[in-house]
């Protein structure tokens, strides 16, 4: 674990990663749970450099769970718990969750002993709180925490001095005190270059120095710091890429060993798998054969049923066609009979009219009685005609009345005669009215139906 921490501070992340995992393995083997939270924290820091947030949170929370269990058994074992809370606070702060980060910092103060000793032994807690206050733009509170923590850290051989000096530089920059900001950034850079503390912070510190000198119009120094920042950033990127490559090599080696073991197991199970495959194929073949027989049988039955259905349909259509033709023939015959009956009725009406004219001249006294009797006979004849017409055209009156309910009974009689294609004079004789009255009635019918002048009344009535 110490080697992992040392390599991490030196920026040799690949070896730090190897030592951390090896330490975790030995702590499991030797059942030394006290070291496991710190090892998980180290792994979380390493994964954080490569922005692997899921792994970061997994290791921090795994370490926290173990540290809580250790603390519940022994209250003196407090450092692992503080370390986990502290690093969770840092991660939340980096993610911009400042309020959550403050809660984790408060959790570091788990008992009175920690509160008493934190100012002497753990200045990093106050420094992190001061930096959070800086991010929340509470500069007075930030100053109250950062200055004392930096003063206490100066006497301690800890890499955290790099962070605190950088935080003070940011505070001075926020307060528009560029000279003081340059001083603290330079101290931070000094810890990185001389002590090799936190080399991962070097690109950011150099970039901030470059910006400050640029604002002071010292462009050469600004340019030099910017170049150094880019160089440090490229170097860090190369180191990360190299570490990634080495990690992939480790993973590949691990997968290779797993592959070799699987190869041995595969050879042992090969015969069993082959037998299973043969049995499976045989079962599939039998199932396919049975299924094929069932499908063929169903298709055959369906074809017979379909054929019968088609024949029955053809027969029904043929019968319907015959019935329709028979009905048409009957209607045509009745229509002819009805027309003939109407024509006979007209001829009869002519003869009666002639006789009535003679009677009017020769025997006026009998004329009125005969005329009344004739009118009653004409009504009976019309009722007989109407009955026969209805038998031939059952739906005619129903459709006409439904579509045009405002037509009178007399007007519907006129429509029936129009349906039979009688002329005006013939209609006048059948109805025993004047020709002029027929024209008036036709005009009323057209108006009620709503026909234009260009539309034929005969064609419209024929459509019913």
Protein backbone atom coordinates (compact mmCIF):
# COMPACT_ATOMS: atom_id res chain seq x y z
CA UNK A 1 0.00 0.00 0.00
CA UNK A 2 2.85 2.41 0.81
CA UNK A 3 4.47 1.64 -2.54
CA UNK A 4 1.17 2.34 -4.28
CA UNK A 5 0.87 5.72 -2.53
CA UNK A 6 4.48 6.60 -3.42
CA UNK A 7 4.06 5.68 -7.10
CA UNK A 8 0.80 7.63 -7.22
CA UNK A 9 2.53 10.78 -5.87
CA UNK A 10 5.29 10.31 -8.47
CA UNK A 11 2.71 9.98 -11.27
CA UNK A 12 3.59 6.36 -12.04
CA UNK A 13 -0.01 5.24 -12.15
CA UNK A 14 0.60 1.85 -13.72
CA UNK A 15 2.81 0.64 -10.86
CA UNK A 16 0.53 2.33 -8.32
CA UNK A 17 -2.37 0.37 -9.80
CA UNK A 18 -0.43 -2.92 -9.62
CA UNK A 19 0.62 -2.35 -5.98
CA UNK A 20 -2.92 -1.35 -4.91
CA UNK A 21 -4.50 -4.50 -6.35
CA UNK A 22 -1.70 -6.64 -4.96
CA UNK A 23 -2.20 -5.04 -1.53
CA UNK A 24 -5.93 -5.75 -1.73
CA UNK A 25 -5.21 -9.37 -2.59
CA UNK A 26 -2.79 -9.79 0.35
CA UNK A 27 -5.19 -8.06 2.76
CA UNK A 28 -7.88 -10.59 1.80
CA UNK A 29 -5.46 -13.51 2.09
CA UNK A 30 -4.08 -12.38 5.47
CA UNK A 31 -7.53 -11.24 6.71
CA UNK A 32 -6.18 -7.73 7.49
CA UNK A 33 -9.38 -5.75 6.92
CA UNK A 34 -7.98 -2.57 8.47
CA UNK A 35 -6.00 -1.78 5.30
CA UNK A 36 -8.80 -2.48 2.81
CA UNK A 37 -10.59 0.93 2.99
CA UNK A 38 -7.33 2.80 2.20
CA UNK A 39 -6.61 0.41 -0.68
CA UNK A 40 -10.09 0.99 -2.12
CA UNK A 41 -9.50 4.75 -1.79
CA UNK A 42 -6.22 4.40 -3.71
CA UNK A 43 -7.95 2.48 -6.50
CA UNK A 44 -10.71 5.11 -6.61
CA UNK A 45 -8.08 7.86 -7.03
CA UNK A 46 -6.43 5.94 -9.85
CA UNK A 47 -9.73 5.36 -11.67
CA UNK A 48 -10.60 9.04 -11.15
CA UNK A 49 -7.52 10.09 -13.12
CA UNK A 50 -8.96 8.19 -16.10
CA UNK A 51 -12.49 9.61 -15.53
CA UNK A 52 -13.98 6.19 -14.79
CA UNK A 53 -16.68 7.50 -12.41
CA UNK A 54 -18.56 4.23 -12.00
CA UNK A 55 -15.44 2.45 -10.69
CA UNK A 56 -14.55 5.49 -8.52
CA UNK A 57 -17.87 5.45 -6.66
CA UNK A 58 -17.82 1.65 -6.39
CA UNK A 59 -14.44 1.59 -4.62
CA UNK A 60 -15.18 4.61 -2.40
CA UNK A 61 -18.47 3.16 -1.20
CA UNK A 62 -17.00 -0.33 -0.82
CA UNK A 63 -14.19 1.16 1.30
CA UNK A 64 -16.71 3.21 3.32
CA UNK A 65 -18.80 0.12 4.08
CA UNK A 66 -15.73 -1.77 5.39
CA UNK A 67 -14.48 1.28 7.34
CA UNK A 68 -17.87 1.67 9.07
CA UNK A 69 -17.79 -1.98 10.10
CA UNK A 70 -14.25 -1.65 11.46
CA UNK A 71 -15.17 1.54 13.37
CA UNK A 72 -18.25 -0.12 14.89
CA UNK A 73 -15.92 -2.77 16.42
CA UNK A 74 -13.10 -0.39 17.42
CA UNK A 75 -13.62 3.38 17.78
CA UNK A 76 -9.87 4.00 17.69
CA UNK A 77 -9.78 2.76 14.07
CA UNK A 78 -11.04 6.12 12.79
CA UNK A 79 -8.55 7.04 10.03
CA UNK A 80 -9.92 4.70 7.31
CA UNK A 81 -13.45 6.07 7.87
CA UNK A 82 -12.25 9.70 7.64
CA UNK A 83 -10.27 8.89 4.49
CA UNK A 84 -13.36 7.44 2.76
CA UNK A 85 -15.61 10.37 3.74
CA UNK A 86 -12.91 12.85 2.70
CA UNK A 87 -12.40 11.32 -0.74
CA UNK A 88 -16.16 11.09 -1.33
CA UNK A 89 -16.33 14.81 -0.52
CA UNK A 90 -13.54 15.54 -3.03
CA UNK A 91 -15.29 13.48 -5.73
CA UNK A 92 -18.62 15.24 -5.17
CA UNK A 93 -16.85 18.61 -5.24
CA UNK A 94 -15.18 17.72 -8.57
CA UNK A 95 -18.64 16.75 -9.89
CA UNK A 96 -20.02 20.16 -8.84
CA UNK A 97 -22.17 18.77 -6.00
CA UNK A 98 -20.88 21.20 -3.36
CA UNK A 99 -23.69 20.73 -0.82
CA UNK A 100 -23.27 16.95 -0.87
CA UNK A 101 -19.51 17.39 -0.54
CA UNK A 102 -20.04 19.49 2.63
CA UNK A 103 -22.20 16.73 4.12
CA UNK A 104 -19.41 14.19 3.58
CA UNK A 105 -16.92 16.61 5.20
CA UNK A 106 -19.22 16.92 8.22
CA UNK A 107 -19.27 13.12 8.39
CA UNK A 108 -15.48 13.16 8.84
CA UNK A 109 -16.03 14.62 12.32
CA UNK A 110 -17.47 11.36 13.65
CA UNK A 111 -16.49 11.87 17.31
CA UNK A 112 -15.05 14.45 19.70
CA UNK A 113 -11.54 13.05 19.41
CA UNK A 114 -11.48 13.84 15.70
CA UNK A 115 -12.80 17.37 16.34
CA UNK A 116 -9.99 17.95 18.85
CA UNK A 117 -7.20 16.53 16.67
CA UNK A 118 -8.27 17.66 13.20
CA UNK A 119 -6.61 21.06 13.42
CA UNK A 120 -3.23 19.50 14.26
CA UNK A 121 -3.19 16.12 12.51
CA UNK A 122 -5.69 16.62 9.67
CA UNK A 123 -5.47 20.12 8.17
CA UNK A 124 -6.74 18.72 4.86
CA UNK A 125 -10.33 18.64 6.26
CA UNK A 126 -10.33 22.40 6.85
CA UNK A 127 -8.52 22.99 3.56
CA UNK A 128 -11.18 21.08 1.61
CA UNK A 129 -13.96 22.94 3.45
CA UNK A 130 -12.23 26.24 2.64
CA UNK A 131 -12.03 25.28 -1.04
CA UNK A 132 -15.73 24.41 -1.05
CA UNK A 133 -16.48 27.83 0.46
CA UNK A 134 -14.39 29.34 -2.33
CA UNK A 135 -16.45 27.47 -4.93
CA UNK A 136 -19.62 28.72 -3.21
CA UNK A 137 -18.11 32.27 -3.42
CA UNK A 138 -18.06 32.71 0.37
CA UNK A 139 -14.55 34.20 0.35
CA UNK A 140 -14.38 35.21 4.04
CA UNK A 141 -15.16 31.65 5.15
CA UNK A 142 -12.74 30.30 2.56
CA UNK A 143 -9.97 32.52 3.98
CA UNK A 144 -10.77 31.44 7.57
CA UNK A 145 -10.26 27.78 6.69
CA UNK A 146 -7.47 27.90 4.06
CA UNK A 147 -4.90 30.11 5.86
CA UNK A 148 -4.74 28.08 9.13
CA UNK A 149 -4.76 24.74 7.28
CA UNK A 150 -1.85 25.87 5.05
CA UNK A 151 0.13 27.10 8.07
CA UNK A 152 -0.33 23.74 9.84
CA UNK A 153 0.48 21.74 6.69
CA UNK A 154 3.85 23.50 6.26
CA UNK A 155 5.29 21.52 9.16
CA UNK A 156 3.98 18.18 7.83
CA UNK A 157 5.62 16.08 5.05
CA UNK A 158 2.37 15.68 3.12
CA UNK A 159 1.57 16.04 -0.58
CA UNK A 160 -1.60 17.93 0.35
CA UNK A 161 0.46 21.14 0.64
CA UNK A 162 0.35 21.30 -3.16
CA UNK A 163 -3.45 21.40 -3.12
CA UNK A 164 -3.72 23.98 -0.33
CA UNK A 165 -1.25 26.35 -2.01
CA UNK A 166 -3.21 26.07 -5.27
CA UNK A 167 -6.51 26.73 -3.41
CA UNK A 168 -5.01 29.87 -1.87
CA UNK A 169 -3.87 31.00 -5.32
CA UNK A 170 -7.46 30.58 -6.60
CA UNK A 171 -8.77 32.53 -3.60
CA UNK A 172 -6.38 35.41 -4.26
CA UNK A 173 -7.28 35.35 -7.93
CA UNK A 174 -10.98 35.55 -7.00
CA UNK A 175 -10.23 38.49 -4.68
CA UNK A 176 -8.36 40.26 -7.53
CA UNK A 177 -4.98 40.03 -5.80
CA UNK A 178 -2.84 38.79 -8.71
CA UNK A 179 0.58 39.13 -6.99
CA UNK A 180 -0.54 37.01 -4.02
CA UNK A 181 -2.12 34.53 -6.41
CA UNK A 182 1.18 34.21 -8.31
CA UNK A 183 2.98 33.65 -5.01
CA UNK A 184 0.78 30.75 -3.93
CA UNK A 185 0.66 29.19 -7.40
CA UNK A 186 4.48 29.34 -7.45
CA UNK A 187 4.62 27.61 -4.04
CA UNK A 188 2.32 24.90 -5.35
CA UNK A 189 4.49 24.48 -8.46
CA UNK A 190 7.57 24.30 -6.22
CA UNK A 191 6.09 21.36 -4.25
CA UNK A 192 5.41 19.57 -7.53
CA UNK A 193 8.85 20.16 -9.04
CA UNK A 194 11.03 19.68 -5.91
CA UNK A 195 9.07 17.16 -3.90
CA UNK A 196 7.21 15.53 -6.78
CA UNK A 197 3.93 16.05 -4.88
CA UNK A 198 0.77 15.73 -7.02
CA UNK A 199 2.29 16.02 -10.54
CA UNK A 200 -1.24 15.65 -11.95
CA UNK A 201 -1.97 19.23 -10.78
CA UNK A 202 0.98 20.73 -12.69
CA UNK A 203 -0.82 21.54 -15.99
CA UNK A 204 -3.58 23.44 -14.15
CA UNK A 205 -1.15 25.44 -11.94
CA UNK A 206 0.99 26.42 -14.96
CA UNK A 207 -2.11 27.40 -16.92
CA UNK A 208 -3.29 29.68 -14.09
CA UNK A 209 0.17 31.30 -13.84
CA UNK A 210 0.15 31.91 -17.60
CA UNK A 211 -3.24 33.61 -17.36
CA UNK A 212 -2.12 35.87 -14.48
CA UNK A 213 1.05 37.01 -16.27
CA UNK A 214 -0.95 37.62 -19.42
CA UNK A 215 -3.29 39.91 -17.48
CA UNK A 216 -0.20 41.74 -16.13
CA UNK A 217 0.92 42.15 -19.79
CA UNK A 218 4.04 40.07 -19.20
CA UNK A 219 3.51 38.13 -22.38
CA UNK A 220 6.86 36.31 -22.56
CA UNK A 221 6.47 34.78 -19.10
CA UNK A 222 2.83 34.03 -19.88
CA UNK A 223 3.88 32.26 -23.09
CA UNK A 224 6.58 30.24 -21.27
CA UNK A 225 4.14 29.05 -18.60
CA UNK A 226 1.57 28.19 -21.27
CA UNK A 227 4.15 26.10 -23.15
CA UNK A 228 5.12 24.34 -19.93
CA UNK A 229 1.42 23.69 -19.19
CA UNK A 230 0.89 22.13 -22.61
CA UNK A 231 4.04 20.05 -22.24
CA UNK A 232 3.01 18.84 -18.77
CA UNK A 233 -0.48 18.07 -20.04
CA UNK A 234 0.93 16.10 -23.00
CA UNK A 235 3.27 14.25 -20.69
CA UNK A 236 0.41 13.39 -18.34
CA UNK A 237 -1.69 12.26 -21.30
CA UNK A 238 1.13 10.04 -22.58
CA UNK A 239 1.53 8.60 -19.11
CA UNK A 240 -2.19 7.87 -18.92
CA UNK A 241 -2.15 6.28 -22.36
CA UNK A 242 0.85 4.20 -21.35
CA UNK A 243 -0.92 3.17 -18.16
CA UNK A 244 -4.01 2.26 -20.14
CA UNK A 245 -1.87 0.17 -22.46
CA UNK A 246 -0.25 -1.62 -19.54
CA UNK A 247 -3.62 -2.21 -17.93
CA UNK A 248 -4.88 -3.70 -21.17
CA UNK A 249 -1.81 -5.95 -21.26
CA UNK A 250 -2.55 -7.12 -17.73
CA UNK A 251 -6.15 -7.73 -18.69
CA UNK A 252 -5.02 -9.59 -21.82
CA UNK A 253 -2.68 -11.77 -19.76
CA UNK A 254 -5.48 -12.53 -17.36
CA UNK A 255 -7.85 -13.37 -20.20
CA UNK A 256 -5.17 -15.58 -21.76
CA UNK A 257 -4.86 -17.63 -18.57
CA UNK A 258 -8.63 -17.89 -18.34
CA UNK A 259 -8.71 -18.97 -21.99
CA UNK A 260 -6.17 -21.73 -21.37
CA UNK A 261 -8.21 -23.07 -18.46
CA UNK A 262 -11.37 -22.89 -20.49
CA UNK A 263 -9.58 -24.71 -23.29
CA UNK A 264 -8.82 -27.64 -20.97
CA UNK A 265 -12.39 -27.72 -19.72
CA UNK A 266 -13.67 -27.49 -23.28
CA UNK A 267 -11.65 -30.55 -24.32
CA UNK A 268 -13.04 -32.53 -21.41
CA UNK A 269 -16.61 -31.54 -22.23
CA UNK A 270 -16.23 -31.90 -25.99
CA UNK A 271 -17.47 -35.49 -26.17
CA UNK A 272 -20.44 -34.73 -23.93
CA UNK A 273 -21.36 -31.72 -26.05
CA UNK A 274 -21.11 -33.75 -29.24
CA UNK A 275 -23.40 -36.43 -27.81
CA UNK A 276 -25.83 -33.77 -26.68
CA UNK A 277 -25.73 -32.16 -30.11
CA UNK A 278 -26.42 -35.51 -31.84
CA UNK A 279 -29.33 -36.17 -29.50
CA UNK A 280 -30.63 -32.66 -30.01
CA UNK A 281 -30.43 -33.00 -33.80
CA UNK A 282 -32.22 -36.35 -33.67
CA UNK A 283 -34.98 -34.87 -31.51
CA UNK A 284 -35.26 -31.88 -33.81
CA UNK A 285 -35.46 -34.17 -36.86
CA UNK A 286 -38.21 -36.29 -35.29
CA UNK A 287 -40.07 -33.17 -34.16
CA UNK A 288 -39.75 -31.71 -37.65
CA UNK A 289 -41.02 -34.95 -39.23
CA UNK A 290 -44.04 -35.09 -36.91
CA UNK A 291 -44.71 -31.41 -37.44
CA UNK A 292 -44.47 -31.85 -41.21
CA UNK A 293 -47.03 -34.67 -41.15
CA UNK A 294 -49.38 -32.56 -39.01
CA UNK A 295 -48.96 -29.51 -41.26
CA UNK A 296 -49.50 -31.53 -44.46
CA UNK A 297 -52.61 -33.13 -42.96
CA UNK A 298 -53.99 -29.74 -41.90
CA UNK A 299 -53.23 -28.23 -45.32
CA UNK A 300 -54.98 -31.18 -47.07
CA UNK A 301 -58.08 -30.83 -44.89
CA UNK A 302 -58.12 -27.09 -45.37
CA UNK A 303 -57.89 -27.49 -49.16
CA UNK A 304 -60.83 -29.93 -49.18
CA UNK A 305 -62.84 -27.60 -46.92
CA UNK A 306 -61.95 -24.60 -49.08
CA UNK A 307 -62.95 -26.47 -52.23
CA UNK A 308 -66.30 -27.38 -50.70
CA UNK A 309 -66.82 -23.80 -49.57
CA UNK A 310 -66.05 -22.47 -53.06
CA UNK A 311 -68.46 -24.97 -54.66
CA UNK A 312 -71.17 -24.03 -52.15
CA UNK A 313 -70.54 -20.35 -52.83
CA UNK A 314 -70.72 -20.85 -56.60
CA UNK A 315 -73.96 -22.78 -56.20
CA UNK A 316 -75.46 -20.08 -53.97
CA UNK A 317 -74.42 -17.38 -56.44
CA UNK A 318 -75.94 -19.37 -59.30
CA UNK A 319 -79.23 -19.83 -57.42
CA UNK A 320 -79.28 -16.14 -56.50
CA UNK A 321 -78.67 -15.20 -60.12
CA UNK A 322 -81.51 -17.47 -61.29
CA UNK A 323 -83.83 -16.05 -58.63
CA UNK A 324 -82.88 -12.50 -59.59
CA UNK A 325 -83.52 -13.21 -63.27
CA UNK A 326 -86.85 -14.84 -62.39
CA UNK A 327 -87.82 -11.86 -60.24
CA UNK A 328 -86.87 -9.45 -63.03
CA UNK A 329 -88.96 -11.43 -65.49
CA UNK A 330 -91.93 -11.40 -63.13
CA UNK A 331 -91.57 -7.67 -62.57
CA UNK A 332 -91.32 -7.01 -66.28
CA UNK A 333 -94.42 -9.15 -66.91
CA UNK A 334 -96.38 -7.39 -64.17
CA UNK A 335 -95.19 -4.01 -65.41
CA UNK A 336 -96.46 -4.84 -68.90
CA UNK A 337 -99.73 -6.09 -67.42
CA UNK A 338 -100.02 -2.93 -65.32
CA UNK A 339 -99.33 -0.68 -68.30
CA UNK A 340 -101.89 -2.61 -70.38
CA UNK A 341 -104.39 -2.30 -67.55
CA UNK A 342 -103.76 1.43 -67.36
CA UNK A 343 -104.19 1.83 -71.09
CA UNK A 344 -107.50 -0.06 -70.97
CA UNK A 345 -108.50 2.18 -68.12
CA UNK A 346 -107.74 5.25 -70.24
CA UNK A 347 -109.79 3.89 -73.16
CA UNK A 348 -112.64 3.16 -70.81
CA UNK A 349 -112.41 6.66 -69.41
CA UNK A 350 -112.70 8.09 -72.95
CA UNK A 351 -115.83 6.07 -73.66
CA UNK A 352 -117.42 7.08 -70.36
CA UNK A 353 -116.60 10.74 -71.02
CA UNK A 354 -118.29 10.51 -74.45
CA UNK A 355 -121.36 8.84 -72.94
CA UNK A 356 -121.58 11.45 -70.21
CA UNK A 357 -121.41 14.22 -72.84
CA UNK A 358 -124.33 12.62 -74.75
CA UNK A 359 -126.29 12.12 -71.50
CA UNK A 360 -125.70 15.74 -70.50
CA UNK A 361 -127.30 16.96 -73.71
CA UNK A 362 -130.18 14.46 -73.95
CA UNK A 363 -131.06 13.80 -70.29
CA UNK A 364 -129.69 16.48 -67.98
CA UNK A 365 -131.72 15.09 -65.08
CA UNK A 366 -129.80 11.80 -65.08
CA UNK A 367 -126.42 13.44 -65.76
CA UNK A 368 -125.59 14.44 -62.18
CA UNK A 369 -126.35 11.01 -60.75
CA UNK A 370 -124.34 9.25 -63.39
CA UNK A 371 -121.45 11.71 -63.07
CA UNK A 372 -121.25 11.09 -59.28
CA UNK A 373 -121.40 7.35 -59.84
CA UNK A 374 -118.67 7.63 -62.47
CA UNK A 375 -116.34 9.54 -60.12
CA UNK A 376 -116.81 6.93 -57.42
CA UNK A 377 -116.08 4.22 -59.98
CA UNK A 378 -112.95 6.08 -61.10
CA UNK A 379 -111.70 6.11 -57.47
CA UNK A 380 -112.26 2.37 -57.22
CA UNK A 381 -110.41 1.88 -60.47
CA UNK A 382 -107.49 3.99 -59.16
CA UNK A 383 -107.37 1.94 -55.92
CA UNK A 384 -107.23 -1.26 -57.98
CA UNK A 385 -104.47 0.22 -60.14
CA UNK A 386 -102.54 1.41 -57.10
CA UNK A 387 -102.75 -2.05 -55.49
CA UNK A 388 -101.31 -3.69 -58.59
CA UNK A 389 -98.59 -1.03 -58.88
CA UNK A 390 -97.56 -1.57 -55.25
CA UNK A 391 -97.27 -5.33 -55.83
CA UNK A 392 -94.85 -4.71 -58.71
CA UNK A 393 -92.93 -1.89 -57.02
CA UNK A 394 -93.05 -2.72 -53.30
CA UNK A 395 -90.29 -0.36 -52.14
CA UNK A 396 -91.24 2.58 -54.38
CA UNK A 397 -93.68 4.35 -52.06
CA UNK A 398 -91.55 3.57 -49.00
CA UNK A 399 -88.37 5.04 -50.51
CA UNK A 400 -90.24 8.04 -51.91
CA UNK A 401 -91.94 8.81 -48.59
CA UNK A 402 -88.66 8.37 -46.61
CA UNK A 403 -86.66 10.69 -48.86
CA UNK A 404 -89.45 13.22 -49.51
CA UNK A 405 -91.96 13.08 -46.60
CA UNK A 406 -93.54 16.42 -47.58
CA UNK A 407 -95.07 14.95 -50.84
CA UNK A 408 -98.88 14.65 -50.62
CA UNK A 409 -100.82 11.45 -51.43
CA UNK A 410 -101.93 12.90 -54.79
CA UNK A 411 -98.36 13.88 -55.64
CA UNK A 412 -97.17 10.35 -54.82
CA UNK A 413 -99.88 9.06 -57.26
CA UNK A 414 -98.44 11.36 -59.91
CA UNK A 415 -94.96 9.97 -59.20
CA UNK A 416 -96.26 6.40 -59.62
CA UNK A 417 -97.67 7.26 -63.06
CA UNK A 418 -94.42 9.02 -64.00
CA UNK A 419 -92.60 5.83 -62.95
CA UNK A 420 -94.71 3.95 -65.54
CA UNK A 421 -93.76 6.59 -68.14
CA UNK A 422 -97.30 7.87 -68.79
CA UNK A 423 -97.71 11.18 -70.59
CA UNK A 424 -99.56 14.24 -69.30
CA UNK A 425 -102.83 13.50 -71.08
CA UNK A 426 -102.84 9.86 -69.97
CA UNK A 427 -102.18 10.89 -66.37
CA UNK A 428 -105.02 13.44 -66.57
CA UNK A 429 -107.46 10.78 -67.80
CA UNK A 430 -106.42 8.22 -65.16
CA UNK A 431 -106.67 10.77 -62.35
CA UNK A 432 -109.76 12.40 -63.90
CA UNK A 433 -108.25 15.90 -63.76
CA UNK A 434 -107.44 18.59 -66.29
CA UNK A 435 -104.14 18.54 -68.20
CA UNK A 436 -103.29 21.92 -66.70
CA UNK A 437 -103.63 20.44 -63.20
CA UNK A 438 -101.11 17.72 -64.13
CA UNK A 439 -98.57 20.40 -65.16
CA UNK A 440 -99.11 22.27 -61.89
CA UNK A 441 -98.69 19.06 -59.90
CA UNK A 442 -95.44 18.19 -61.73
CA UNK A 443 -94.12 21.68 -61.02
CA UNK A 444 -94.90 21.32 -57.32
CA UNK A 445 -93.23 17.91 -57.20
CA UNK A 446 -90.05 19.29 -58.82
CA UNK A 447 -89.98 22.16 -56.31
CA UNK A 448 -90.46 19.88 -53.28
CA UNK A 449 -87.84 17.44 -54.51
CA UNK A 450 -85.43 20.30 -55.27
CA UNK A 451 -84.65 19.58 -58.94
CA UNK A 452 -82.94 22.11 -61.19
CA UNK A 453 -84.48 23.01 -64.56
CA UNK A 454 -81.81 21.03 -66.39
CA UNK A 455 -82.62 17.86 -64.41
CA UNK A 456 -85.23 15.37 -65.63
CA UNK A 457 -88.11 14.51 -63.27
CA UNK A 458 -88.74 11.24 -65.16
CA UNK A 459 -85.10 10.10 -64.70
CA UNK A 460 -85.14 11.02 -61.01
CA UNK A 461 -88.42 9.11 -60.34
CA UNK A 462 -87.11 6.13 -62.37
CA UNK A 463 -84.14 5.84 -59.96
CA UNK A 464 -86.45 4.76 -57.08
